[in-house]
C-alpha atoms as a PDB file:
ATOM      1  CA  MET A   1     -23.264  21.899  -8.624  1.00  0.00           C
ATOM      2  CA  VAL A   2     -21.247  19.192  -6.956  1.00  0.00           C
ATOM      3  CA  THR A   3     -21.149  18.870  -3.283  1.00  0.00           C
ATOM      4  CA  THR A   4     -18.552  16.999  -1.204  1.00  0.00           C
ATOM      5  CA  GLY A   5     -19.762  15.163   1.880  1.00  0.00           C
ATOM      6  CA  THR A   6     -18.395  12.692   4.513  1.00  0.00           C
ATOM      7  CA  PHE A   7     -20.395  10.017   5.851  1.00  0.00           C
ATOM      8  CA  THR A   8     -20.163   7.623   8.725  1.00  0.00           C
ATOM      9  CA  VAL A   9     -20.344   4.005   7.525  1.00  0.00           C
ATOM     10  CA  LYS A  10     -20.977   1.033  10.177  1.00  0.00           C
ATOM     11  CA  GLY A  11     -20.837  -2.507   9.721  1.00  0.00           C
ATOM     12  CA  MET A  12     -17.667  -2.771   7.590  1.00  0.00           C
ATOM     13  CA  THR A  13     -15.213  -5.336   8.790  1.00  0.00           C
ATOM     14  CA  CYS A  14     -13.068  -6.120   5.600  1.00  0.00           C
ATOM     15  CA  ASP A  15     -12.066  -5.039   2.172  1.00  0.00           C
ATOM     16  CA  ASN A  16     -14.868  -6.887   0.588  1.00  0.00           C
ATOM     17  CA  CYS A  17     -17.083  -4.845   2.755  1.00  0.00           C
ATOM     18  CA  VAL A  18     -15.485  -1.526   1.335  1.00  0.00           C
ATOM     19  CA  ARG A  19     -16.171  -2.784  -2.061  1.00  0.00           C
ATOM     20  CA  HIS A  20     -19.802  -3.466  -1.587  1.00  0.00           C
ATOM     21  CA  VAL A  21     -20.313   0.037  -0.072  1.00  0.00           C
ATOM     22  CA  GLN A  22     -18.438   1.695  -2.807  1.00  0.00           C
ATOM     23  CA  GLN A  23     -20.350  -0.154  -5.630  1.00  0.00           C
ATOM     24  CA  ALA A  24     -23.756   0.532  -3.894  1.00  0.00           C
ATOM     25  CA  LEU A  25     -23.026   4.159  -3.773  1.00  0.00           C
ATOM     26  CA  GLN A  26     -21.795   4.442  -7.298  1.00  0.00           C
ATOM     27  CA  THR A  27     -25.117   2.917  -8.371  1.00  0.00           C
ATOM     28  CA  VAL A  28     -27.056   6.215  -7.218  1.00  0.00           C
ATOM     29  CA  ALA A  29     -27.541   8.673  -9.844  1.00  0.00           C
ATOM     30  CA  GLY A  30     -25.933  11.844  -9.243  1.00  0.00           C
ATOM     31  CA  VAL A  31     -23.036  10.275  -7.305  1.00  0.00           C
ATOM     32  CA  SER A  32     -20.023  11.338  -9.153  1.00  0.00           C
ATOM     33  CA  SER A  33     -17.306   9.927  -6.882  1.00  0.00           C
ATOM     34  CA  ALA A  34     -17.173   7.577  -3.891  1.00  0.00           C
ATOM     35  CA  SER A  35     -14.202   6.869  -1.655  1.00  0.00           C
ATOM     36  CA  VAL A  36     -14.727   4.252   1.247  1.00  0.00           C
ATOM     37  CA  SER A  37     -12.156   3.963   3.870  1.00  0.00           C
ATOM     38  CA  LEU A  38     -12.197   0.795   6.187  1.00  0.00           C
ATOM     39  CA  ASP A  39      -9.901   2.408   8.829  1.00  0.00           C
ATOM     40  CA  ASN A  40     -11.869   5.460   9.137  1.00  0.00           C
ATOM     41  CA  GLN A  41     -15.302   3.721   8.837  1.00  0.00           C
ATOM     42  CA  GLN A  42     -16.376   6.513   6.371  1.00  0.00           C
ATOM     43  CA  ALA A  43     -17.222   7.295   2.870  1.00  0.00           C
ATOM     44  CA  THR A  44     -16.288  10.738   1.153  1.00  0.00           C
ATOM     45  CA  LEU A  45     -18.707  11.518  -1.674  1.00  0.00           C
ATOM     46  CA  GLU A  46     -18.915  13.878  -4.512  1.00  0.00           C
ATOM     47  CA  TYR A  47     -22.531  14.298  -5.604  1.00  0.00           C
ATOM     48  CA  ASP A  48     -25.151  16.512  -7.028  1.00  0.00           C
ATOM     49  CA  PRO A  49     -27.630  17.053  -4.215  1.00  0.00           C
ATOM     50  CA  ALA A  50     -30.261  17.962  -6.789  1.00  0.00           C
ATOM     51  CA  ILE A  51     -30.186  14.413  -8.121  1.00  0.00           C
ATOM     52  CA  ALA A  52     -28.787  12.355  -5.330  1.00  0.00           C
ATOM     53  CA  THR A  53     -30.238  12.908  -1.975  1.00  0.00           C
ATOM     54  CA  VAL A  54     -28.773  11.670   1.340  1.00  0.00           C
ATOM     55  CA  GLU A  55     -31.731   9.443   1.725  1.00  0.00           C
ATOM     56  CA  SER A  56     -31.145   7.648  -1.640  1.00  0.00           C
ATOM     57  CA  MET A  57     -27.510   7.204  -0.640  1.00  0.00           C
ATOM     58  CA  THR A  58     -28.098   5.829   2.788  1.00  0.00           C
ATOM     59  CA  ALA A  59     -30.824   3.709   1.393  1.00  0.00           C
ATOM     60  CA  ALA A  60     -28.386   2.130  -1.213  1.00  0.00           C
ATOM     61  CA  VAL A  61     -25.703   1.359   1.433  1.00  0.00           C
ATOM     62  CA  SER A  62     -28.576  -0.029   3.657  1.00  0.00           C
ATOM     63  CA  GLU A  63     -29.487  -2.427   0.833  1.00  0.00           C
ATOM     64  CA  ALA A  64     -25.954  -3.663   0.561  1.00  0.00           C
ATOM     65  CA  GLY A  65     -26.078  -4.483   4.388  1.00  0.00           C
ATOM     66  CA  TYR A  66     -24.504  -1.497   6.191  1.00  0.00           C
ATOM     67  CA  THR A  67     -25.579   1.628   7.769  1.00  0.00           C
ATOM     68  CA  MET A  68     -24.493   5.146   6.754  1.00  0.00           C
ATOM     69  CA  GLU A  69     -25.109   8.692   8.189  1.00  0.00           C
ATOM     70  CA  GLU A  70     -24.104  12.096   7.300  1.00  0.00           C
ATOM     71  CA  LYS A  71     -21.121  13.586   9.493  1.00  0.00           C
ATOM     72  CA  THR A  72     -21.929  16.849  10.921  1.00  0.00           C
ATOM     73  CA  GLY A  73     -19.841  19.558  12.277  1.00  0.00           C
END
């Protein structure tokens, strides 16, 4: 089952940052789509939560040099 989630991404300052975050997210198994917005400082992801955990996705972004957390509410 595919889930859509919105996450806050911190540390992005340019289009290259957006590409780095998007590429990092697309390497995570179970992520089928990643759309990253510099203006909104967020990522919208379609992923299979049975395969891609929030922890694995935030770790991938962290390894790329940024921070990401799930938006709640």
